[in-house]
Amino acid sequence: MKFFDEARIEVHAGNGGDGAVSFRREKYVPRGGPDGGDGGAGGSIFALADRNINTLVEYRYARIHRARNGERGRGADCNGRGADDVVLRMPVGTVITHAESGEPIADLAMDGQKALLARGGAGGLGNINFKSSTNRAPRQSTPGRAGESRVLHLELRVLADVGLLGMPNAGKSSLIRRISAARPKVADYPFTTLSPSLGVVRVGPSRSFVVADIPGLIEGAAEGAGLGHRFLRHLSRTRLLLHVVDAVPLAPDADPARDVRAVATELRKYDPALFQRPRWLVLNKLDLLPASERTAAVERIIKRLRWRGPAFAVSALSGDGCDALVNAVGEHLALERDEAVS
């Protein structure tokens, strides 16, 4: 299935039914009085987070969603029937905003979370509600209220603890294949990853975390180069970024340090808050170097970058260094979780 992470929809709640004007007419009851019932409420429209759905493709084609109107009231003190609500199932992680104003409507961050998108109109009052000692034959009623209508923007932001960031062909997909059961496409050309991939990484028998792999960034992504910034939204919920770098590029003019700075610049342009998030350096593809030269190559890149944060040397192909990386990430997330609880 093709991955869709944005959609624009219209939701129209149902109108309430009108109240009835009616009088009781039965044999031997000449003045039975008013018996007009109330109108039924219009149907509302809700969004429901469903973990069994992972894309917004349904809402690319079904753009208009309407709930039914409530029935009007009847005589014999009968109220109109209320309309059923409409429930739209969406992926967990969907952010819903008003398309025109950008006002946030809901953030479906948990499975089973429900949010009201458009409220149905209330039913009108029948003339039975207006009777009194001085008004024994009321002929007034109220119409049902109109239901809400909105144009909404849906944006899917995947739920992950860790995000993989880097240039195309840095080995992000190979890394997520090595440390998890995810199987994204891997090939020897750029932009093999065209949509986000999620993988669950087991740290121990009772601990795990989720990793998100997004398409690679290149210099000028803010201006639309490559795939642009459109997939960076999927890193907005992560707590840690792993900046994967090809430490042994085959191109003669390639420069790992320059690539790291270019990606960091694009990250800052997209979202300064995301740029400030903890980011670790992961130097990949060290299997292409003899074992005696790996330490010097890693130190040379770190020195050029003046990198002061955590840095790891790995080979996604052979698995060297991946266990140490996974354990360090697991400990960092556990410590962060404990601090948040306390």
C-alpha atoms as a PDB file:
ATOM      1  CA  MET A   1       0.000   0.000   0.000  1.00  0.00           C
ATOM      2  CA  LYS A   2       1.326   3.442  -0.854  1.00  0.00           C
ATOM      3  CA  PHE A   3       2.185   5.541   2.191  1.00  0.00           C
ATOM      4  CA  PHE A   4       0.091   8.694   2.640  1.00  0.00           C
ATOM      5  CA  ASP A   5       0.805  10.915   5.629  1.00  0.00           C
ATOM      6  CA  GLU A   6      -1.347  13.960   4.752  1.00  0.00           C
ATOM      7  CA  ALA A   7      -4.954  14.505   3.767  1.00  0.00           C
ATOM      8  CA  ARG A   8      -7.574  17.243   3.695  1.00  0.00           C
ATOM      9  CA  ILE A   9     -11.192  16.346   4.493  1.00  0.00           C
ATOM     10  CA  GLU A  10     -14.556  17.986   5.093  1.00  0.00           C
ATOM     11  CA  VAL A  11     -16.787  16.898   7.964  1.00  0.00           C
ATOM     12  CA  HIS A  12     -20.450  17.879   8.167  1.00  0.00           C
ATOM     13  CA  ALA A  13     -22.405  16.961  11.273  1.00  0.00           C
ATOM     14  CA  GLY A  14     -26.147  16.390  11.023  1.00  0.00           C
ATOM     15  CA  ASN A  15     -28.758  19.047  11.721  1.00  0.00           C
ATOM     16  CA  GLY A  16     -31.196  18.639  14.583  1.00  0.00           C
ATOM     17  CA  GLY A  17     -34.820  17.818  13.751  1.00  0.00           C
ATOM     18  CA  ASP A  18     -37.516  20.471  14.168  1.00  0.00           C
ATOM     19  CA  GLY A  19     -39.917  20.386  17.075  1.00  0.00           C
ATOM     20  CA  ALA A  20     -43.551  19.525  16.260  1.00  0.00           C
ATOM     21  CA  VAL A  21     -46.731  21.529  16.781  1.00  0.00           C
ATOM     22  CA  SER A  22     -49.512  19.046  17.484  1.00  0.00           C
ATOM     23  CA  PHE A  23     -52.615  18.685  19.674  1.00  0.00           C
ATOM     24  CA  ARG A  24     -54.138  15.574  21.140  1.00  0.00           C
ATOM     25  CA  ARG A  25     -57.293  14.607  19.283  1.00  0.00           C
ATOM     26  CA  GLU A  26     -59.152  11.592  20.637  1.00  0.00           C
ATOM     27  CA  LYS A  27     -62.737  10.619  21.118  1.00  0.00           C
ATOM     28  CA  TYR A  28     -64.170  11.911  24.371  1.00  0.00           C
ATOM     29  CA  VAL A  29     -61.069  14.139  24.852  1.00  0.00           C
ATOM     30  CA  PRO A  30     -62.159  17.417  23.244  1.00  0.00           C
ATOM     31  CA  ARG A  31     -59.345  19.514  24.669  1.00  0.00           C
ATOM     32  CA  GLY A  32     -56.426  17.138  24.991  1.00  0.00           C
ATOM     33  CA  GLY A  33     -53.824  19.882  24.865  1.00  0.00           C
ATOM     34  CA  PRO A  34     -50.481  20.094  23.092  1.00  0.00           C
ATOM     35  CA  ASP A  35     -48.565  16.876  22.397  1.00  0.00           C
ATOM     36  CA  GLY A  36     -45.881  17.902  19.856  1.00  0.00           C
ATOM     37  CA  GLY A  37     -42.581  16.127  20.552  1.00  0.00           C
ATOM     38  CA  ASP A  38     -39.027  17.356  20.291  1.00  0.00           C
ATOM     39  CA  GLY A  39     -36.774  16.845  17.254  1.00  0.00           C
ATOM     40  CA  GLY A  40     -33.938  14.348  17.353  1.00  0.00           C
ATOM     41  CA  ALA A  41     -30.289  15.387  17.596  1.00  0.00           C
ATOM     42  CA  GLY A  42     -28.149  15.317  14.467  1.00  0.00           C
ATOM     43  CA  GLY A  43     -25.284  12.885  14.246  1.00  0.00           C
ATOM     44  CA  SER A  44     -21.808  13.996  15.357  1.00  0.00           C
ATOM     45  CA  ILE A  45     -18.518  13.032  13.711  1.00  0.00           C
ATOM     46  CA  PHE A  46     -15.667  11.559  15.774  1.00  0.00           C
ATOM     47  CA  ALA A  47     -12.097  10.462  15.045  1.00  0.00           C
ATOM     48  CA  LEU A  48     -10.839   7.236  16.620  1.00  0.00           C
ATOM     49  CA  ALA A  49      -7.178   6.191  16.787  1.00  0.00           C
ATOM     50  CA  ASP A  50      -6.754   2.626  15.520  1.00  0.00           C
ATOM     51  CA  ARG A  51      -3.381   0.886  15.707  1.00  0.00           C
ATOM     52  CA  ASN A  52      -4.400  -1.460  12.883  1.00  0.00           C
ATOM     53  CA  ILE A  53      -4.304   1.447  10.397  1.00  0.00           C
ATOM     54  CA  ASN A  54      -0.952   2.887   9.322  1.00  0.00           C
ATOM     55  CA  THR A  55      -1.730   5.310   6.501  1.00  0.00           C
ATOM     56  CA  LEU A  56      -4.186   8.074   5.608  1.00  0.00           C
ATOM     57  CA  VAL A  57      -4.751   6.732   2.097  1.00  0.00           C
ATOM     58  CA  GLU A  58      -8.485   6.234   2.734  1.00  0.00           C
ATOM     59  CA  TYR A  59      -8.949   9.953   3.319  1.00  0.00           C
ATOM     60  CA  ARG A  60      -7.161  10.881   0.098  1.00  0.00           C
ATOM     61  CA  TYR A  61     -10.173   9.555  -1.831  1.00  0.00           C
ATOM     62  CA  ALA A  62     -13.066   9.828   0.652  1.00  0.00           C
ATOM     63  CA  ARG A  63     -12.798  13.538   1.351  1.00  0.00           C
ATOM     64  CA  ILE A  64     -16.345  14.457   2.430  1.00  0.00           C
ATOM     65  CA  HIS A  65     -17.955  12.837   5.455  1.00  0.00           C
ATOM     66  CA  ARG A  66     -21.535  13.596   6.490  1.00  0.00           C
ATOM     67  CA  ALA A  67     -23.668  12.511   9.412  1.00  0.00           C
ATOM     68  CA  ARG A  68     -27.449  12.156   9.073  1.00  0.00           C
ATOM     69  CA  ASN A  69     -29.943  14.738  10.316  1.00  0.00           C
ATOM     70  CA  GLY A  70     -32.175  14.078  13.307  1.00  0.00           C
ATOM     71  CA  GLU A  71     -35.845  13.319  12.656  1.00  0.00           C
ATOM     72  CA  ARG A  72     -38.473  15.964  13.369  1.00  0.00           C
ATOM     73  CA  GLY A  73     -40.808  15.553  16.339  1.00  0.00           C
ATOM     74  CA  ARG A  74     -44.259  13.975  16.031  1.00  0.00           C
ATOM     75  CA  GLY A  75     -47.602  14.185  17.701  1.00  0.00           C
ATOM     76  CA  ALA A  76     -48.710  12.018  20.611  1.00  0.00           C
ATOM     77  CA  ASP A  77     -45.711  13.278  22.563  1.00  0.00           C
ATOM     78  CA  CYS A  78     -43.277  11.379  20.312  1.00  0.00           C
ATOM     79  CA  ASN A  79     -39.752  12.730  19.980  1.00  0.00           C
ATOM     80  CA  GLY A  80     -37.872  12.411  16.712  1.00  0.00           C
ATOM     81  CA  ARG A  81     -35.132   9.818  16.445  1.00  0.00           C
ATOM     82  CA  GLY A  82     -31.565  11.018  16.887  1.00  0.00           C
ATOM     83  CA  ALA A  83     -29.104  10.222  14.102  1.00  0.00           C
ATOM     84  CA  ASP A  84     -26.204   7.821  14.602  1.00  0.00           C
ATOM     85  CA  ASP A  85     -22.729   9.267  15.040  1.00  0.00           C
ATOM     86  CA  VAL A  86     -20.044   8.741  12.392  1.00  0.00           C
ATOM     87  CA  VAL A  87     -16.679   7.409  13.602  1.00  0.00           C
ATOM     88  CA  LEU A  88     -13.635   7.913  11.351  1.00  0.00           C
ATOM     89  CA  ARG A  89     -10.808   5.489  12.124  1.00  0.00           C
ATOM     90  CA  MET A  90      -7.334   6.977  11.752  1.00  0.00           C
ATOM     91  CA  PRO A  91      -3.749   5.845  12.417  1.00  0.00           C
ATOM     92  CA  VAL A  92      -2.286   6.359  15.860  1.00  0.00           C
ATOM     93  CA  GLY A  93      -0.183   9.532  15.706  1.00  0.00           C
ATOM     94  CA  THR A  94      -2.566  11.535  13.514  1.00  0.00           C
ATOM     95  CA  VAL A  95      -2.645  15.275  14.241  1.00  0.00           C
ATOM     96  CA  ILE A  96      -5.876  17.018  13.239  1.00  0.00           C
ATOM     97  CA  THR A  97      -5.981  20.779  12.693  1.00  0.00           C
ATOM     98  CA  HIS A  98      -8.391  23.292  11.196  1.00  0.00           C
ATOM     99  CA  ALA A  99      -7.377  23.673   7.560  1.00  0.00           C
ATOM    100  CA  GLU A 100      -7.908  27.426   7.402  1.00  0.00           C
ATOM    101  CA  SER A 101      -6.728  28.712  10.795  1.00  0.00           C
ATOM    102  CA  GLY A 102      -4.328  25.930  11.766  1.00  0.00           C
ATOM    103  CA  GLU A 103      -6.097  25.633  15.116  1.00  0.00           C
ATOM    104  CA  PRO A 104      -5.343  22.246  16.718  1.00  0.00           C
ATOM    105  CA  ILE A 105      -8.368  19.979  16.999  1.00  0.00           C
ATOM    106  CA  ALA A 106      -6.919  16.693  18.262  1.00  0.00           C
ATOM    107  CA  ASP A 107      -3.703  14.708  18.610  1.00  0.00           C
ATOM    108  CA  LEU A 108      -4.458  10.980  18.458  1.00  0.00           C
ATOM    109  CA  ALA A 109      -1.364   9.761  20.278  1.00  0.00           C
ATOM    110  CA  MET A 110      -2.856   6.626  21.882  1.00  0.00           C
ATOM    111  CA  ASP A 111      -4.716   3.637  20.508  1.00  0.00           C
ATOM    112  CA  GLY A 112      -8.437   3.954  21.200  1.00  0.00           C
ATOM    113  CA  GLN A 113      -8.297   7.721  21.762  1.00  0.00           C
ATOM    114  CA  LYS A 114     -11.455   9.436  20.533  1.00  0.00           C
ATOM    115  CA  ALA A 115     -11.919  13.075  19.530  1.00  0.00           C
ATOM    116  CA  LEU A 116     -14.937  15.102  18.480  1.00  0.00           C
ATOM    117  CA  LEU A 117     -14.509  16.655  15.033  1.00  0.00           C
ATOM    118  CA  ALA A 118     -17.981  18.137  14.423  1.00  0.00           C
ATOM    119  CA  ARG A 119     -20.878  18.283  16.851  1.00  0.00           C
ATOM    120  CA  GLY A 120     -24.365  17.448  15.651  1.00  0.00           C
ATOM    121  CA  GLY A 121     -27.119  20.017  16.020  1.00  0.00           C
ATOM    122  CA  ALA A 122     -29.548  19.800  18.939  1.00  0.00           C
ATOM    123  CA  GLY A 123     -33.168  18.953  18.218  1.00  0.00           C
ATOM    124  CA  GLY A 124     -35.844  21.649  18.364  1.00  0.00           C
ATOM    125  CA  LEU A 125     -38.508  21.833  21.060  1.00  0.00           C
ATOM    126  CA  GLY A 126     -42.075  20.742  20.392  1.00  0.00           C
ATOM    127  CA  ASN A 127     -45.056  22.768  21.545  1.00  0.00           C
ATOM    128  CA  ILE A 128     -45.526  20.517  24.573  1.00  0.00           C
ATOM    129  CA  ASN A 129     -42.621  22.417  26.141  1.00  0.00           C
ATOM    130  CA  PHE A 130     -44.446  25.755  25.918  1.00  0.00           C
ATOM    131  CA  LYS A 131     -47.690  24.889  27.704  1.00  0.00           C
ATOM    132  CA  SER A 132     -48.507  26.744  30.894  1.00  0.00           C
ATOM    133  CA  SER A 133     -51.492  27.790  32.945  1.00  0.00           C
ATOM    134  CA  THR A 134     -51.866  30.891  30.806  1.00  0.00           C
ATOM    135  CA  ASN A 135     -50.893  29.327  27.473  1.00  0.00           C
ATOM    136  CA  ARG A 136     -52.858  26.112  27.217  1.00  0.00           C
ATOM    137  CA  ALA A 137     -52.744  25.802  23.437  1.00  0.00           C
ATOM    138  CA  PRO A 138     -49.242  26.907  22.394  1.00  0.00           C
ATOM    139  CA  ARG A 139     -48.631  26.914  18.683  1.00  0.00           C
ATOM    140  CA  GLN A 140     -44.923  27.637  18.764  1.00  0.00           C
ATOM    141  CA  SER A 141     -41.974  25.284  18.433  1.00  0.00           C
ATOM    142  CA  THR A 142     -38.288  25.741  17.740  1.00  0.00           C
ATOM    143  CA  PRO A 143     -36.325  24.504  14.720  1.00  0.00           C
ATOM    144  CA  GLY A 144     -33.403  22.132  15.107  1.00  0.00           C
ATOM    145  CA  ARG A 145     -29.938  23.627  15.263  1.00  0.00           C
ATOM    146  CA  ALA A 146     -27.493  23.247  12.408  1.00  0.00           C
ATOM    147  CA  GLY A 147     -24.618  20.785  12.809  1.00  0.00           C
ATOM    148  CA  GLU A 148     -21.030  21.939  12.662  1.00  0.00           C
ATOM    149  CA  SER A 149     -19.091  21.850   9.398  1.00  0.00           C
ATOM    150  CA  ARG A 150     -15.319  21.990   9.179  1.00  0.00           C
ATOM    151  CA  VAL A 151     -12.501  21.566   6.715  1.00  0.00           C
ATOM    152  CA  LEU A 152      -9.702  19.666   8.445  1.00  0.00           C
ATOM    153  CA  HIS A 153      -6.076  18.895   7.720  1.00  0.00           C
ATOM    154  CA  LEU A 154      -4.834  15.443   8.747  1.00  0.00           C
ATOM    155  CA  GLU A 155      -1.135  14.875   9.316  1.00  0.00           C
ATOM    156  CA  LEU A 156       0.357  11.567  10.377  1.00  0.00           C
ATOM    157  CA  ARG A 157       3.379  11.677  12.667  1.00  0.00           C
ATOM    158  CA  VAL A 158       4.657   8.208  13.437  1.00  0.00           C
ATOM    159  CA  LEU A 159       5.214   7.266  17.076  1.00  0.00           C
ATOM    160  CA  ALA A 160       8.838   6.347  17.692  1.00  0.00           C
ATOM    161  CA  ASP A 161      11.358   6.734  20.514  1.00  0.00           C
ATOM    162  CA  VAL A 162      14.399   7.076  18.253  1.00  0.00           C
ATOM    163  CA  GLY A 163      14.776   8.616  14.806  1.00  0.00           C
ATOM    164  CA  LEU A 164      17.453   7.859  12.196  1.00  0.00           C
ATOM    165  CA  LEU A 165      18.744  10.907  10.386  1.00  0.00           C
ATOM    166  CA  GLY A 166      21.314  11.308   7.649  1.00  0.00           C
ATOM    167  CA  MET A 167      22.240  11.677   4.007  1.00  0.00           C
ATOM    168  CA  PRO A 168      20.971   9.237   1.351  1.00  0.00           C
ATOM    169  CA  ASN A 169      23.006   6.009   1.256  1.00  0.00           C
ATOM    170  CA  ALA A 170      24.384   6.566   4.761  1.00  0.00           C
ATOM    171  CA  GLY A 171      23.143   3.107   5.717  1.00  0.00           C
ATOM    172  CA  LYS A 172      20.069   4.017   7.802  1.00  0.00           C
ATOM    173  CA  SER A 173      17.905   1.290   6.279  1.00  0.00           C
ATOM    174  CA  SER A 174      20.670  -1.272   6.718  1.00  0.00           C
ATOM    175  CA  LEU A 175      21.019  -0.250  10.357  1.00  0.00           C
ATOM    176  CA  ILE A 176      17.317  -0.605  11.141  1.00  0.00           C
ATOM    177  CA  ARG A 177      17.336  -4.008   9.396  1.00  0.00           C
ATOM    178  CA  ARG A 178      20.269  -5.079  11.571  1.00  0.00           C
ATOM    179  CA  ILE A 179      18.857  -4.009  14.961  1.00  0.00           C
ATOM    180  CA  SER A 180      15.153  -4.781  14.388  1.00  0.00           C
ATOM    181  CA  ALA A 181      12.814  -6.977  12.369  1.00  0.00           C
ATOM    182  CA  ALA A 182      11.932  -4.138   9.970  1.00  0.00           C
ATOM    183  CA  ARG A 183      12.753  -4.865   6.336  1.00  0.00           C
ATOM    184  CA  PRO A 184      12.942  -1.609   4.366  1.00  0.00           C
ATOM    185  CA  LYS A 185      14.386  -1.656   0.860  1.00  0.00           C
ATOM    186  CA  VAL A 186      18.181  -1.543   0.646  1.00  0.00           C
ATOM    187  CA  ALA A 187      20.067  -0.841  -2.600  1.00  0.00           C
ATOM    188  CA  ASP A 188      23.311   0.737  -3.829  1.00  0.00           C
ATOM    189  CA  TYR A 189      21.732   3.971  -5.060  1.00  0.00           C
ATOM    190  CA  PRO A 190      20.382   7.068  -3.250  1.00  0.00           C
ATOM    191  CA  PHE A 191      16.773   7.528  -2.064  1.00  0.00           C
ATOM    192  CA  THR A 192      15.913   3.843  -1.812  1.00  0.00           C
ATOM    193  CA  THR A 193      13.800   4.808   1.220  1.00  0.00           C
ATOM    194  CA  LEU A 194      10.750   6.708  -0.020  1.00  0.00           C
ATOM    195  CA  SER A 195       8.544   6.465   3.071  1.00  0.00           C
ATOM    196  CA  PRO A 196       9.123   6.099   6.834  1.00  0.00           C
ATOM    197  CA  SER A 197       9.791   2.658   8.303  1.00  0.00           C
ATOM    198  CA  LEU A 198       9.312   1.592  11.911  1.00  0.00           C
ATOM    199  CA  GLY A 199      11.186  -1.146  13.748  1.00  0.00           C
ATOM    200  CA  VAL A 200      10.956  -2.485  17.294  1.00  0.00           C
ATOM    201  CA  VAL A 201      14.359  -3.017  18.914  1.00  0.00           C
ATOM    202  CA  ARG A 202      14.647  -5.484  21.804  1.00  0.00           C
ATOM    203  CA  VAL A 203      17.123  -4.441  24.477  1.00  0.00           C
ATOM    204  CA  GLY A 204      16.323  -7.313  26.842  1.00  0.00           C
ATOM    205  CA  PRO A 205      13.519  -9.675  27.777  1.00  0.00           C
ATOM    206  CA  SER A 206      11.363  -6.823  29.109  1.00  0.00           C
ATOM    207  CA  ARG A 207      12.652  -3.676  27.396  1.00  0.00           C
ATOM    208  CA  SER A 208      12.313  -2.385  23.862  1.00  0.00           C
ATOM    209  CA  PHE A 209      12.089   0.833  21.891  1.00  0.00           C
ATOM    210  CA  VAL A 210      10.786   1.898  18.486  1.00  0.00           C
ATOM    211  CA  VAL A 211      13.072   3.294  15.762  1.00  0.00           C
ATOM    212  CA  ALA A 212      11.890   5.371  12.794  1.00  0.00           C
ATOM    213  CA  ASP A 213      13.824   5.505   9.530  1.00  0.00           C
ATOM    214  CA  ILE A 214      12.996   8.366   7.152  1.00  0.00           C
ATOM    215  CA  PRO A 215      14.252   9.206   3.644  1.00  0.00           C
ATOM    216  CA  GLY A 216      17.647  10.872   3.535  1.00  0.00           C
ATOM    217  CA  LEU A 217      18.195  14.623   3.625  1.00  0.00           C
ATOM    218  CA  ILE A 218      20.479  16.494   1.267  1.00  0.00           C
ATOM    219  CA  GLU A 219      21.775  20.036   1.249  1.00  0.00           C
ATOM    220  CA  GLY A 220      19.062  22.408   0.048  1.00  0.00           C
ATOM    221  CA  ALA A 221      16.173  20.267   1.328  1.00  0.00           C
ATOM    222  CA  ALA A 222      14.578  23.416   2.756  1.00  0.00           C
ATOM    223  CA  GLU A 223      14.271  24.686  -0.809  1.00  0.00           C
ATOM    224  CA  GLY A 224      12.774  21.394  -2.003  1.00  0.00           C
ATOM    225  CA  ALA A 225      15.919  19.539  -3.087  1.00  0.00           C
ATOM    226  CA  GLY A 226      15.634  15.759  -2.937  1.00  0.00           C
ATOM    227  CA  LEU A 227      12.501  14.811  -1.031  1.00  0.00           C
ATOM    228  CA  GLY A 228      12.585  18.088   0.900  1.00  0.00           C
ATOM    229  CA  HIS A 229      11.525  18.346   4.536  1.00  0.00           C
ATOM    230  CA  ARG A 230       8.185  16.572   4.253  1.00  0.00           C
ATOM    231  CA  PHE A 231       9.228  13.467   6.218  1.00  0.00           C
ATOM    232  CA  LEU A 232      10.966  15.268   9.086  1.00  0.00           C
ATOM    233  CA  ARG A 233       7.579  15.592  10.796  1.00  0.00           C
ATOM    234  CA  HIS A 234       7.884  11.907  11.643  1.00  0.00           C
ATOM    235  CA  LEU A 235      10.810  12.682  13.950  1.00  0.00           C
ATOM    236  CA  SER A 236       8.878  15.283  15.960  1.00  0.00           C
ATOM    237  CA  ARG A 237       7.765  12.757  18.606  1.00  0.00           C
ATOM    238  CA  THR A 238      11.147  11.062  19.026  1.00  0.00           C
ATOM    239  CA  ARG A 239      13.229  11.497  22.164  1.00  0.00           C
ATOM    240  CA  LEU A 240      16.611  10.781  20.589  1.00  0.00           C
ATOM    241  CA  LEU A 241      18.088  11.256  17.111  1.00  0.00           C
ATOM    242  CA  LEU A 242      20.790   9.000  15.681  1.00  0.00           C
ATOM    243  CA  HIS A 243      22.716  10.868  12.998  1.00  0.00           C
ATOM    244  CA  VAL A 244      23.990   8.100  10.697  1.00  0.00           C
ATOM    245  CA  VAL A 245      27.056   8.996   8.611  1.00  0.00           C
ATOM    246  CA  ASP A 246      28.850   7.092   5.872  1.00  0.00           C
ATOM    247  CA  ALA A 247      32.332   7.134   7.423  1.00  0.00           C
ATOM    248  CA  VAL A 248      33.960   5.540   4.371  1.00  0.00           C
ATOM    249  CA  PRO A 249      32.354   7.156   1.299  1.00  0.00           C
ATOM    250  CA  LEU A 250      33.438   5.774  -2.065  1.00  0.00           C
ATOM    251  CA  ALA A 251      33.122   9.060  -3.980  1.00  0.00           C
ATOM    252  CA  PRO A 252      36.508  10.862  -4.132  1.00  0.00           C
ATOM    253  CA  ASP A 253      35.004  14.288  -3.354  1.00  0.00           C
ATOM    254  CA  ALA A 254      32.807  13.077  -0.473  1.00  0.00           C
ATOM    255  CA  ASP A 255      33.371  14.533   2.991  1.00  0.00           C
ATOM    256  CA  PRO A 256      31.604  12.952   6.028  1.00  0.00           C
ATOM    257  CA  ALA A 257      32.142  16.037   8.194  1.00  0.00           C
ATOM    258  CA  ARG A 258      30.602  18.291   5.553  1.00  0.00           C
ATOM    259  CA  ASP A 259      27.624  15.936   5.232  1.00  0.00           C
ATOM    260  CA  VAL A 260      27.013  16.062   8.995  1.00  0.00           C
ATOM    261  CA  ARG A 261      27.003  19.872   8.978  1.00  0.00           C
ATOM    262  CA  ALA A 262      24.684  20.000   5.951  1.00  0.00           C
ATOM    263  CA  VAL A 263      22.092  17.732   7.580  1.00  0.00           C
ATOM    264  CA  ALA A 264      22.326  19.675  10.849  1.00  0.00           C
ATOM    265  CA  THR A 265      21.698  22.916   8.941  1.00  0.00           C
ATOM    266  CA  GLU A 266      18.592  21.501   7.266  1.00  0.00           C
ATOM    267  CA  LEU A 267      17.345  20.209  10.629  1.00  0.00           C
ATOM    268  CA  ARG A 268      17.735  23.651  12.172  1.00  0.00           C
ATOM    269  CA  LYS A 269      15.869  25.282   9.268  1.00  0.00           C
ATOM    270  CA  TYR A 270      12.971  22.873   9.644  1.00  0.00           C
ATOM    271  CA  ASP A 271      12.510  23.068  13.423  1.00  0.00           C
ATOM    272  CA  PRO A 272      14.944  24.648  15.926  1.00  0.00           C
ATOM    273  CA  ALA A 273      13.331  22.639  18.749  1.00  0.00           C
ATOM    274  CA  LEU A 274      14.019  19.387  16.896  1.00  0.00           C
ATOM    275  CA  PHE A 275      17.593  20.536  16.299  1.00  0.00           C
ATOM    276  CA  GLN A 276      18.054  20.937  20.064  1.00  0.00           C
ATOM    277  CA  ARG A 277      16.921  17.366  20.763  1.00  0.00           C
ATOM    278  CA  PRO A 278      19.645  14.899  21.888  1.00  0.00           C
ATOM    279  CA  ARG A 279      21.525  13.749  18.796  1.00  0.00           C
ATOM    280  CA  TRP A 280      24.163  11.015  18.705  1.00  0.00           C
ATOM    281  CA  LEU A 281      26.682  10.430  15.949  1.00  0.00           C
ATOM    282  CA  VAL A 282      26.737   6.962  14.357  1.00  0.00           C
ATOM    283  CA  LEU A 283      29.658   6.380  11.994  1.00  0.00           C
ATOM    284  CA  ASN A 284      28.657   3.525   9.697  1.00  0.00           C
ATOM    285  CA  LYS A 285      30.268   1.231   7.083  1.00  0.00           C
ATOM    286  CA  LEU A 286      33.514   0.748   8.998  1.00  0.00           C
ATOM    287  CA  ASP A 287      33.686  -2.797   7.594  1.00  0.00           C
ATOM    288  CA  LEU A 288      35.110  -1.175   4.427  1.00  0.00           C
ATOM    289  CA  LEU A 289      38.281  -0.285   6.326  1.00  0.00           C
ATOM    290  CA  PRO A 290      40.947  -2.594   7.744  1.00  0.00           C
ATOM    291  CA  ALA A 291      40.570  -3.033  11.505  1.00  0.00           C
ATOM    292  CA  SER A 292      43.856  -1.198  12.104  1.00  0.00           C
ATOM    293  CA  GLU A 293      42.603   1.988  10.392  1.00  0.00           C
ATOM    294  CA  ARG A 294      39.102   2.255  11.896  1.00  0.00           C
ATOM    295  CA  THR A 295      39.991   4.038  15.131  1.00  0.00           C
ATOM    296  CA  ALA A 296      42.036   6.693  13.325  1.00  0.00           C
ATOM    297  CA  ALA A 297      39.257   7.293  10.773  1.00  0.00           C
ATOM    298  CA  VAL A 298      36.645   7.754  13.503  1.00  0.00           C
ATOM    299  CA  GLU A 299      38.857  10.106  15.511  1.00  0.00           C
ATOM    300  CA  ARG A 300      39.614  12.161  12.403  1.00  0.00           C
ATOM    301  CA  ILE A 301      35.910  12.779  11.664  1.00  0.00           C
ATOM    302  CA  ILE A 302      35.074  13.554  15.304  1.00  0.00           C
ATOM    303  CA  LYS A 303      37.984  16.005  15.521  1.00  0.00           C
ATOM    304  CA  ARG A 304      36.934  17.832  12.340  1.00  0.00           C
ATOM    305  CA  LEU A 305      33.388  18.156  13.637  1.00  0.00           C
ATOM    306  CA  ARG A 306      34.481  19.071  17.177  1.00  0.00           C
ATOM    307  CA  TRP A 307      31.813  16.613  18.243  1.00  0.00           C
ATOM    308  CA  ARG A 308      31.257  16.552  22.001  1.00  0.00           C
ATOM    309  CA  GLY A 309      28.257  14.260  22.238  1.00  0.00           C
ATOM    310  CA  PRO A 310      28.113  10.467  22.197  1.00  0.00           C
ATOM    311  CA  ALA A 311      29.597   8.864  19.074  1.00  0.00           C
ATOM    312  CA  PHE A 312      29.513   5.227  17.950  1.00  0.00           C
ATOM    313  CA  ALA A 313      31.392   3.354  15.260  1.00  0.00           C
ATOM    314  CA  VAL A 314      29.340   0.558  13.703  1.00  0.00           C
ATOM    315  CA  SER A 315      28.956  -1.640  10.691  1.00  0.00           C
ATOM    316  CA  ALA A 316      25.329  -2.298   9.821  1.00  0.00           C
ATOM    317  CA  LEU A 317      26.475  -4.991   7.384  1.00  0.00           C
ATOM    318  CA  SER A 318      28.529  -7.085   9.802  1.00  0.00           C
ATOM    319  CA  GLY A 319      26.840  -5.990  13.032  1.00  0.00           C
ATOM    320  CA  ASP A 320      30.044  -4.716  14.663  1.00  0.00           C
ATOM    321  CA  GLY A 321      29.273  -2.098  17.307  1.00  0.00           C
ATOM    322  CA  CYS A 322      25.487  -2.407  16.917  1.00  0.00           C
ATOM    323  CA  ASP A 323      24.952  -4.153  20.261  1.00  0.00           C
ATOM    324  CA  ALA A 324      26.812  -1.398  22.104  1.00  0.00           C
ATOM    325  CA  LEU A 325      24.714   1.228  20.322  1.00  0.00           C
ATOM    326  CA  VAL A 326      21.432  -0.527  21.127  1.00  0.00           C
ATOM    327  CA  ASN A 327      22.344  -0.965  24.803  1.00  0.00           C
ATOM    328  CA  ALA A 328      23.380   2.675  25.142  1.00  0.00           C
ATOM    329  CA  VAL A 329      20.137   3.870  23.546  1.00  0.00           C
ATOM    330  CA  GLY A 330      18.108   1.588  25.813  1.00  0.00           C
ATOM    331  CA  GLU A 331      19.848   2.912  28.930  1.00  0.00           C
ATOM    332  CA  HIS A 332      19.386   6.519  27.808  1.00  0.00           C
ATOM    333  CA  LEU A 333      15.653   6.068  27.200  1.00  0.00           C
ATOM    334  CA  ALA A 334      15.179   4.196  30.496  1.00  0.00           C
ATOM    335  CA  LEU A 335      16.987   6.943  32.417  1.00  0.00           C
ATOM    336  CA  GLU A 336      14.952   9.628  30.687  1.00  0.00           C
ATOM    337  CA  ARG A 337      11.737   7.742  31.480  1.00  0.00           C
ATOM    338  CA  ASP A 338      12.701   7.403  35.151  1.00  0.00           C
ATOM    339  CA  GLU A 339      13.478  11.122  35.396  1.00  0.00           C
ATOM    340  CA  ALA A 340      10.104  11.984  33.864  1.00  0.00           C
ATOM    341  CA  VAL A 341       8.286   9.777  36.396  1.00  0.00           C
ATOM    342  CA  SER A 342      10.143  11.237  39.361  1.00  0.00           C
END
